């Protein structure tokens, strides 16, 4: 059996939103204890009182560093913006695959912007708006959805940040707090890309820059 304190710590450490609430003293500990009660009992493999969980949360909260003392998330390189994009989604079919191979070759040859994400039933392609007619012609199938006036913000992270728990949460949280709707997201090993309406790109940039700056609350 796992100790109650260890169970609570594991649950909090694996949930950035819980850790954030505790670190910034935003969370009602009694309410949180009731919320994670079942999870704590499952991990501890025994019956646990809510009051015991509340006490464990209180001890954990006292151990967390003050948000103002934490190191901010640092960029490995920079934020990169690409505007004038369009998102188009097709059914995942053999014909679509064949057409997209041709699309990829043509766009890459001309140094154009291209991101392709493949799911089980759909394939989403993100390219420059001026290329969209070419894409439709080559694929030869009607798209399921076309979304224009899109911009991308690409974030390059250090190797240390890539391995940090909750790093994507820390990137997305400031955008969510601003009420920004994301059209798509994509990632590689050390890059994270968000796609959103072009009209929201400056607000999103301000929010992300604040995340990487020396702020009072770097979370």
C-alpha atoms as a PDB file:
ATOM      1  CA  UNK A   1       0.000   0.000   0.000  1.00  0.00           C
ATOM      2  CA  UNK A   2       1.118   3.545  -0.766  1.00  0.00           C
ATOM      3  CA  UNK A   3       1.063   6.239   1.895  1.00  0.00           C
ATOM      4  CA  UNK A   4      -1.695   8.830   1.625  1.00  0.00           C
ATOM      5  CA  UNK A   5       0.847  11.635   1.350  1.00  0.00           C
ATOM      6  CA  UNK A   6       2.648   9.898  -1.513  1.00  0.00           C
ATOM      7  CA  UNK A   7      -0.614   9.217  -3.341  1.00  0.00           C
ATOM      8  CA  UNK A   8      -1.675  12.854  -3.061  1.00  0.00           C
ATOM      9  CA  UNK A   9       1.728  14.054  -4.231  1.00  0.00           C
ATOM     10  CA  UNK A  10       1.649  11.785  -7.292  1.00  0.00           C
ATOM     11  CA  UNK A  11      -1.832  12.949  -8.259  1.00  0.00           C
ATOM     12  CA  UNK A  12      -0.890  16.617  -7.932  1.00  0.00           C
ATOM     13  CA  UNK A  13       2.445  16.211  -9.712  1.00  0.00           C
ATOM     14  CA  UNK A  14       0.706  14.614 -12.700  1.00  0.00           C
ATOM     15  CA  UNK A  15      -1.934  17.336 -12.949  1.00  0.00           C
ATOM     16  CA  UNK A  16      -0.484  20.801 -13.735  1.00  0.00           C
ATOM     17  CA  UNK A  17      -3.801  22.547 -13.053  1.00  0.00           C
ATOM     18  CA  UNK A  18      -3.947  21.120  -9.514  1.00  0.00           C
ATOM     19  CA  UNK A  19      -0.321  22.033  -8.898  1.00  0.00           C
ATOM     20  CA  UNK A  20      -0.946  25.541 -10.196  1.00  0.00           C
ATOM     21  CA  UNK A  21      -3.927  26.013  -7.905  1.00  0.00           C
ATOM     22  CA  UNK A  22      -1.960  24.850  -4.871  1.00  0.00           C
ATOM     23  CA  UNK A  23       1.144  26.880  -5.690  1.00  0.00           C
ATOM     24  CA  UNK A  24      -0.827  30.092  -6.143  1.00  0.00           C
ATOM     25  CA  UNK A  25      -3.113  29.397  -3.160  1.00  0.00           C
ATOM     26  CA  UNK A  26      -6.189  29.446  -5.398  1.00  0.00           C
ATOM     27  CA  UNK A  27      -7.629  26.097  -4.339  1.00  0.00           C
ATOM     28  CA  UNK A  28     -10.056  25.229  -1.559  1.00  0.00           C
ATOM     29  CA  UNK A  29      -8.248  22.279   0.009  1.00  0.00           C
ATOM     30  CA  UNK A  30     -11.371  20.625   1.407  1.00  0.00           C
ATOM     31  CA  UNK A  31     -13.111  20.763  -1.973  1.00  0.00           C
ATOM     32  CA  UNK A  32     -10.014  19.444  -3.718  1.00  0.00           C
ATOM     33  CA  UNK A  33      -9.700  16.615  -1.193  1.00  0.00           C
ATOM     34  CA  UNK A  34     -13.250  15.492  -1.985  1.00  0.00           C
ATOM     35  CA  UNK A  35     -12.519  15.796  -5.704  1.00  0.00           C
ATOM     36  CA  UNK A  36      -9.477  13.474  -5.613  1.00  0.00           C
ATOM     37  CA  UNK A  37     -10.810  11.194  -2.865  1.00  0.00           C
ATOM     38  CA  UNK A  38     -11.549   8.239  -5.160  1.00  0.00           C
ATOM     39  CA  UNK A  39      -8.204   8.596  -6.953  1.00  0.00           C
ATOM     40  CA  UNK A  40      -6.303   8.622  -3.649  1.00  0.00           C
ATOM     41  CA  UNK A  41      -8.089   5.488  -2.432  1.00  0.00           C
ATOM     42  CA  UNK A  42      -7.350   3.749  -5.726  1.00  0.00           C
ATOM     43  CA  UNK A  43      -3.645   4.544  -5.467  1.00  0.00           C
ATOM     44  CA  UNK A  44      -3.406   3.823  -1.742  1.00  0.00           C
ATOM     45  CA  UNK A  45      -5.462   0.606  -2.030  1.00  0.00           C
ATOM     46  CA  UNK A  46      -7.279   1.356   1.228  1.00  0.00           C
ATOM     47  CA  UNK A  47     -10.101   3.439   2.672  1.00  0.00           C
ATOM     48  CA  UNK A  48      -9.026   7.049   3.227  1.00  0.00           C
ATOM     49  CA  UNK A  49     -10.780   9.843   5.086  1.00  0.00           C
ATOM     50  CA  UNK A  50     -11.265  13.171   3.289  1.00  0.00           C
ATOM     51  CA  UNK A  51      -9.752  14.962   6.288  1.00  0.00           C
ATOM     52  CA  UNK A  52      -6.532  12.956   5.878  1.00  0.00           C
ATOM     53  CA  UNK A  53      -6.327  14.018   2.228  1.00  0.00           C
ATOM     54  CA  UNK A  54      -6.929  17.644   3.210  1.00  0.00           C
ATOM     55  CA  UNK A  55      -4.033  17.492   5.671  1.00  0.00           C
ATOM     56  CA  UNK A  56      -1.778  15.928   3.027  1.00  0.00           C
ATOM     57  CA  UNK A  57      -2.705  18.698   0.574  1.00  0.00           C
ATOM     58  CA  UNK A  58      -1.947  21.336   3.192  1.00  0.00           C
ATOM     59  CA  UNK A  59       1.516  19.880   3.816  1.00  0.00           C
ATOM     60  CA  UNK A  60       2.194  19.630   0.099  1.00  0.00           C
ATOM     61  CA  UNK A  61       1.071  23.211  -0.462  1.00  0.00           C
ATOM     62  CA  UNK A  62       3.507  24.459   2.185  1.00  0.00           C
ATOM     63  CA  UNK A  63       6.347  22.677   0.383  1.00  0.00           C
ATOM     64  CA  UNK A  64       5.634  24.162  -3.033  1.00  0.00           C
ATOM     65  CA  UNK A  65       7.858  27.115  -4.004  1.00  0.00           C
ATOM     66  CA  UNK A  66       6.402  30.581  -4.139  1.00  0.00           C
ATOM     67  CA  UNK A  67       5.414  31.275  -7.778  1.00  0.00           C
ATOM     68  CA  UNK A  68       7.526  34.429  -7.776  1.00  0.00           C
ATOM     69  CA  UNK A  69      10.647  32.402  -7.008  1.00  0.00           C
ATOM     70  CA  UNK A  70      10.235  29.934  -9.880  1.00  0.00           C
ATOM     71  CA  UNK A  71      12.337  30.045 -13.010  1.00  0.00           C
ATOM     72  CA  UNK A  72      10.344  31.153 -16.054  1.00  0.00           C
ATOM     73  CA  UNK A  73       9.977  28.906 -19.057  1.00  0.00           C
ATOM     74  CA  UNK A  74      12.718  29.891 -21.506  1.00  0.00           C
ATOM     75  CA  UNK A  75      12.763  29.678 -25.265  1.00  0.00           C
ATOM     76  CA  UNK A  76      15.560  27.817 -27.003  1.00  0.00           C
ATOM     77  CA  UNK A  77      15.259  30.129 -29.967  1.00  0.00           C
ATOM     78  CA  UNK A  78      12.217  32.335 -30.560  1.00  0.00           C
ATOM     79  CA  UNK A  79       8.552  32.638 -31.336  1.00  0.00           C
ATOM     80  CA  UNK A  80       7.881  32.433 -35.064  1.00  0.00           C
ATOM     81  CA  UNK A  81       4.710  33.676 -36.730  1.00  0.00           C
ATOM     82  CA  UNK A  82       3.345  32.611 -40.108  1.00  0.00           C
ATOM     83  CA  UNK A  83       0.249  34.387 -41.408  1.00  0.00           C
ATOM     84  CA  UNK A  84      -2.002  33.916 -44.410  1.00  0.00           C
ATOM     85  CA  UNK A  85      -2.661  30.214 -43.868  1.00  0.00           C
ATOM     86  CA  UNK A  86      -5.632  27.971 -44.581  1.00  0.00           C
ATOM     87  CA  UNK A  87      -6.605  24.705 -42.892  1.00  0.00           C
ATOM     88  CA  UNK A  88      -8.271  22.082 -45.086  1.00  0.00           C
ATOM     89  CA  UNK A  89      -9.468  18.660 -43.949  1.00  0.00           C
ATOM     90  CA  UNK A  90     -10.072  15.639 -46.204  1.00  0.00           C
ATOM     91  CA  UNK A  91     -11.310  12.118 -45.623  1.00  0.00           C
ATOM     92  CA  UNK A  92      -8.473   9.669 -45.097  1.00  0.00           C
ATOM     93  CA  UNK A  93      -8.712   7.676 -48.328  1.00  0.00           C
ATOM     94  CA  UNK A  94      -6.154   6.054 -50.651  1.00  0.00           C
ATOM     95  CA  UNK A  95      -6.964   8.663 -53.316  1.00  0.00           C
ATOM     96  CA  UNK A  96      -6.371  11.486 -50.851  1.00  0.00           C
ATOM     97  CA  UNK A  97      -3.044   9.931 -49.802  1.00  0.00           C
ATOM     98  CA  UNK A  98      -1.913   9.721 -53.401  1.00  0.00           C
ATOM     99  CA  UNK A  99      -2.859  13.332 -54.071  1.00  0.00           C
ATOM    100  CA  UNK A 100      -1.197  14.640 -50.916  1.00  0.00           C
ATOM    101  CA  UNK A 101       2.108  13.037 -51.893  1.00  0.00           C
ATOM    102  CA  UNK A 102       2.053  15.175 -55.038  1.00  0.00           C
ATOM    103  CA  UNK A 103       0.962  18.237 -53.044  1.00  0.00           C
ATOM    104  CA  UNK A 104       3.815  17.777 -50.601  1.00  0.00           C
ATOM    105  CA  UNK A 105       6.404  17.504 -53.363  1.00  0.00           C
ATOM    106  CA  UNK A 106       5.172  20.620 -55.167  1.00  0.00           C
ATOM    107  CA  UNK A 107       4.886  22.803 -52.074  1.00  0.00           C
ATOM    108  CA  UNK A 108       8.229  21.696 -50.632  1.00  0.00           C
ATOM    109  CA  UNK A 109       9.921  22.358 -53.962  1.00  0.00           C
ATOM    110  CA  UNK A 110       8.683  25.943 -53.892  1.00  0.00           C
ATOM    111  CA  UNK A 111       9.672  26.427 -50.203  1.00  0.00           C
ATOM    112  CA  UNK A 112       6.031  26.831 -49.239  1.00  0.00           C
ATOM    113  CA  UNK A 113       4.522  26.346 -45.794  1.00  0.00           C
ATOM    114  CA  UNK A 114       3.015  22.898 -45.211  1.00  0.00           C
ATOM    115  CA  UNK A 115       1.873  20.881 -42.202  1.00  0.00           C
ATOM    116  CA  UNK A 116       0.035  17.567 -42.531  1.00  0.00           C
ATOM    117  CA  UNK A 117      -1.656  15.737 -39.663  1.00  0.00           C
ATOM    118  CA  UNK A 118      -3.134  12.295 -40.261  1.00  0.00           C
ATOM    119  CA  UNK A 119      -5.816  10.744 -38.102  1.00  0.00           C
ATOM    120  CA  UNK A 120      -7.734   7.504 -38.440  1.00  0.00           C
ATOM    121  CA  UNK A 121     -10.548   8.942 -40.583  1.00  0.00           C
ATOM    122  CA  UNK A 122      -9.296  12.400 -41.545  1.00  0.00           C
ATOM    123  CA  UNK A 123      -6.216  14.170 -42.863  1.00  0.00           C
ATOM    124  CA  UNK A 124      -5.689  17.841 -42.146  1.00  0.00           C
ATOM    125  CA  UNK A 125      -3.406  19.967 -44.268  1.00  0.00           C
ATOM    126  CA  UNK A 126      -2.271  23.491 -43.393  1.00  0.00           C
ATOM    127  CA  UNK A 127      -0.764  25.582 -46.171  1.00  0.00           C
ATOM    128  CA  UNK A 128      -0.595  29.105 -47.518  1.00  0.00           C
ATOM    129  CA  UNK A 129      -3.977  30.401 -48.666  1.00  0.00           C
ATOM    130  CA  UNK A 130      -2.645  31.044 -52.177  1.00  0.00           C
ATOM    131  CA  UNK A 131      -1.949  27.291 -52.535  1.00  0.00           C
ATOM    132  CA  UNK A 132      -5.393  26.059 -51.566  1.00  0.00           C
ATOM    133  CA  UNK A 133      -6.786  25.885 -55.114  1.00  0.00           C
ATOM    134  CA  UNK A 134      -3.766  23.827 -56.172  1.00  0.00           C
ATOM    135  CA  UNK A 135      -4.323  21.466 -53.229  1.00  0.00           C
ATOM    136  CA  UNK A 136      -7.988  20.912 -54.068  1.00  0.00           C
ATOM    137  CA  UNK A 137      -7.170  20.303 -57.724  1.00  0.00           C
ATOM    138  CA  UNK A 138      -4.451  17.743 -57.041  1.00  0.00           C
ATOM    139  CA  UNK A 139      -6.272  15.843 -54.283  1.00  0.00           C
ATOM    140  CA  UNK A 140      -9.385  15.623 -56.414  1.00  0.00           C
ATOM    141  CA  UNK A 141     -11.743  15.007 -53.516  1.00  0.00           C
ATOM    142  CA  UNK A 142     -14.093  17.505 -51.850  1.00  0.00           C
ATOM    143  CA  UNK A 143     -12.714  18.732 -48.516  1.00  0.00           C
ATOM    144  CA  UNK A 144     -14.701  18.124 -45.350  1.00  0.00           C
ATOM    145  CA  UNK A 145     -13.842  21.568 -44.023  1.00  0.00           C
ATOM    146  CA  UNK A 146     -11.875  24.634 -45.095  1.00  0.00           C
ATOM    147  CA  UNK A 147     -10.877  27.304 -42.575  1.00  0.00           C
ATOM    148  CA  UNK A 148      -9.145  30.461 -43.791  1.00  0.00           C
ATOM    149  CA  UNK A 149      -7.542  33.551 -42.234  1.00  0.00           C
ATOM    150  CA  UNK A 150      -5.328  31.405 -40.025  1.00  0.00           C
ATOM    151  CA  UNK A 151      -1.980  32.247 -38.436  1.00  0.00           C
ATOM    152  CA  UNK A 152       0.510  29.938 -36.757  1.00  0.00           C
ATOM    153  CA  UNK A 153       2.730  30.613 -33.762  1.00  0.00           C
ATOM    154  CA  UNK A 154       5.682  28.254 -33.430  1.00  0.00           C
ATOM    155  CA  UNK A 155       7.538  27.904 -30.125  1.00  0.00           C
ATOM    156  CA  UNK A 156      11.027  26.420 -29.906  1.00  0.00           C
ATOM    157  CA  UNK A 157      11.863  24.857 -26.527  1.00  0.00           C
ATOM    158  CA  UNK A 158      15.100  23.829 -24.876  1.00  0.00           C
ATOM    159  CA  UNK A 159      15.831  20.138 -24.374  1.00  0.00           C
ATOM    160  CA  UNK A 160      15.291  20.652 -20.652  1.00  0.00           C
ATOM    161  CA  UNK A 161      11.836  22.129 -21.171  1.00  0.00           C
ATOM    162  CA  UNK A 162      10.817  19.383 -23.592  1.00  0.00           C
ATOM    163  CA  UNK A 163      11.287  16.839 -20.787  1.00  0.00           C
ATOM    164  CA  UNK A 164       9.505  18.932 -18.153  1.00  0.00           C
ATOM    165  CA  UNK A 165       6.101  17.682 -16.978  1.00  0.00           C
ATOM    166  CA  UNK A 166       3.264  20.014 -17.922  1.00  0.00           C
ATOM    167  CA  UNK A 167       5.261  22.112 -20.391  1.00  0.00           C
ATOM    168  CA  UNK A 168       2.454  22.091 -22.977  1.00  0.00           C
ATOM    169  CA  UNK A 169      -0.018  23.057 -20.284  1.00  0.00           C
ATOM    170  CA  UNK A 170       2.149  26.076 -19.467  1.00  0.00           C
ATOM    171  CA  UNK A 171       2.055  27.068 -23.127  1.00  0.00           C
ATOM    172  CA  UNK A 172      -1.676  26.624 -23.562  1.00  0.00           C
ATOM    173  CA  UNK A 173      -2.805  28.063 -20.239  1.00  0.00           C
ATOM    174  CA  UNK A 174      -2.138  31.747 -21.068  1.00  0.00           C
ATOM    175  CA  UNK A 175      -3.993  31.330 -24.368  1.00  0.00           C
ATOM    176  CA  UNK A 176      -6.961  29.767 -22.588  1.00  0.00           C
ATOM    177  CA  UNK A 177      -6.992  32.563 -20.004  1.00  0.00           C
ATOM    178  CA  UNK A 178      -7.308  35.046 -22.861  1.00  0.00           C
ATOM    179  CA  UNK A 179     -10.271  33.100 -24.226  1.00  0.00           C
ATOM    180  CA  UNK A 180      -8.500  32.308 -27.499  1.00  0.00           C
ATOM    181  CA  UNK A 181      -9.894  29.476 -29.622  1.00  0.00           C
ATOM    182  CA  UNK A 182      -7.279  27.276 -31.288  1.00  0.00           C
ATOM    183  CA  UNK A 183      -8.057  25.888 -34.722  1.00  0.00           C
ATOM    184  CA  UNK A 184      -5.288  23.258 -34.627  1.00  0.00           C
ATOM    185  CA  UNK A 185      -2.103  22.293 -32.785  1.00  0.00           C
ATOM    186  CA  UNK A 186       0.943  20.362 -34.007  1.00  0.00           C
ATOM    187  CA  UNK A 187       4.330  19.464 -32.567  1.00  0.00           C
ATOM    188  CA  UNK A 188       7.753  17.960 -33.177  1.00  0.00           C
ATOM    189  CA  UNK A 189      10.364  16.963 -30.602  1.00  0.00           C
ATOM    190  CA  UNK A 190      11.328  20.518 -29.683  1.00  0.00           C
ATOM    191  CA  UNK A 191       8.716  22.660 -31.420  1.00  0.00           C
ATOM    192  CA  UNK A 192       5.082  23.355 -30.609  1.00  0.00           C
ATOM    193  CA  UNK A 193       2.758  25.018 -33.111  1.00  0.00           C
ATOM    194  CA  UNK A 194      -0.630  26.571 -32.450  1.00  0.00           C
ATOM    195  CA  UNK A 195      -2.984  27.681 -35.207  1.00  0.00           C
ATOM    196  CA  UNK A 196      -5.599  30.322 -34.559  1.00  0.00           C
ATOM    197  CA  UNK A 197      -7.536  33.128 -36.204  1.00  0.00           C
ATOM    198  CA  UNK A 198      -5.289  35.780 -37.693  1.00  0.00           C
ATOM    199  CA  UNK A 199      -7.161  38.473 -35.763  1.00  0.00           C
ATOM    200  CA  UNK A 200      -6.084  36.859 -32.464  1.00  0.00           C
ATOM    201  CA  UNK A 201      -2.391  36.434 -33.235  1.00  0.00           C
ATOM    202  CA  UNK A 202      -1.136  39.616 -31.526  1.00  0.00           C
ATOM    203  CA  UNK A 203      -3.039  38.874 -28.319  1.00  0.00           C
ATOM    204  CA  UNK A 204      -1.685  35.324 -28.369  1.00  0.00           C
ATOM    205  CA  UNK A 205       1.874  36.608 -28.854  1.00  0.00           C
ATOM    206  CA  UNK A 206       1.546  38.988 -25.918  1.00  0.00           C
ATOM    207  CA  UNK A 207       0.250  36.152 -23.739  1.00  0.00           C
ATOM    208  CA  UNK A 208       3.079  33.800 -24.727  1.00  0.00           C
ATOM    209  CA  UNK A 209       5.811  36.417 -24.370  1.00  0.00           C
ATOM    210  CA  UNK A 210       4.587  37.071 -20.827  1.00  0.00           C
ATOM    211  CA  UNK A 211       4.964  33.354 -20.100  1.00  0.00           C
ATOM    212  CA  UNK A 212       8.644  33.438 -21.045  1.00  0.00           C
ATOM    213  CA  UNK A 213       9.477  36.720 -19.330  1.00  0.00           C
ATOM    214  CA  UNK A 214      10.664  37.453 -15.816  1.00  0.00           C
ATOM    215  CA  UNK A 215       7.199  37.876 -14.346  1.00  0.00           C
ATOM    216  CA  UNK A 216       5.788  37.832 -10.849  1.00  0.00           C
ATOM    217  CA  UNK A 217       3.769  34.733 -11.663  1.00  0.00           C
ATOM    218  CA  UNK A 218       5.687  32.678 -14.254  1.00  0.00           C
ATOM    219  CA  UNK A 219       3.249  29.773 -14.020  1.00  0.00           C
END
